[in-house]
Amino acid sequence: MSGPPPPPGSGFWQITGTMNGLTPWQIGLHLGIPQADLATYGNVRDLHASLDFAMQDLLGGVMSSSARSSLSRLHVIGSVDEVVHQGDLVVHGGRGEGEAAAIAVPCVENLIAKGRGRFGRFFLPAPAFNDVGPLGFGFQLTPAAYSVYSDHVAQFLDAVNTTISPPFLDVFLAVLARHEHGVPLPAARIDAVSHITVAHILGTQVRRMRRVRR
């Protein structure tokens, strides 16, 4: 994506996996990490482990049995250095056989500030066939599945925002802003996410992959 790079005091977290062991999927998330200048490989590894616990609970609660995560990668960006840690993150879904791998579940990251461009988005892998209505052939989550997804993303946001892994005491899920009111910003900004809304209408893998950008 064009524009200024992520600012100091931020992070980028990427999770990758496959559907049916073949078709790749990715989740890309931005973070606010105010103590990023204190990052070392060791404490970033510890922070990464804490964040991955939250991701495990999210993916384990919503993914179909056809979905599997494999890797997690965390970048912590300070004023001078960027520290990166990558590790295995193996989670198998358990909600039944999955829909077509091209389908994704959009999640909208809402910000406290309102207005055009005041939100972000990430995509969860294809849901289970039984979670899509009517009878697996529609293009939206069933009411029951929507409730499950909504509960899990709310718990995920709370888990990320309450993560404490010294020296990182104020981590929060964020959206990277490079424009405001359609005008490019001279420097990118990290805005805190207030809540996450699961979209009723499903998306596609192409849109999802295009959205995974640092």
Foldseek 3Di string as FASTA:
>chain_A
DDFADADAQKKKKKWWWAFQRPHIAMWIFMKGFNVLVPDDQVLVVVLQVLLLVLVLQLCQQWAEQRIWIFKMKMWHGHPPDIHIDMDTRTHGYHPYAFDPQFWWWKKKFAFPDDDPPRIAIATHTTTHQVQDPDNSPHFFGDPVSQVSNQVSQQSSQVSQQCDDRPPGGGMHTWDWDQDDPRHGDNHIDTTGGPGMHIDGGIDTRVVNVVRRDD
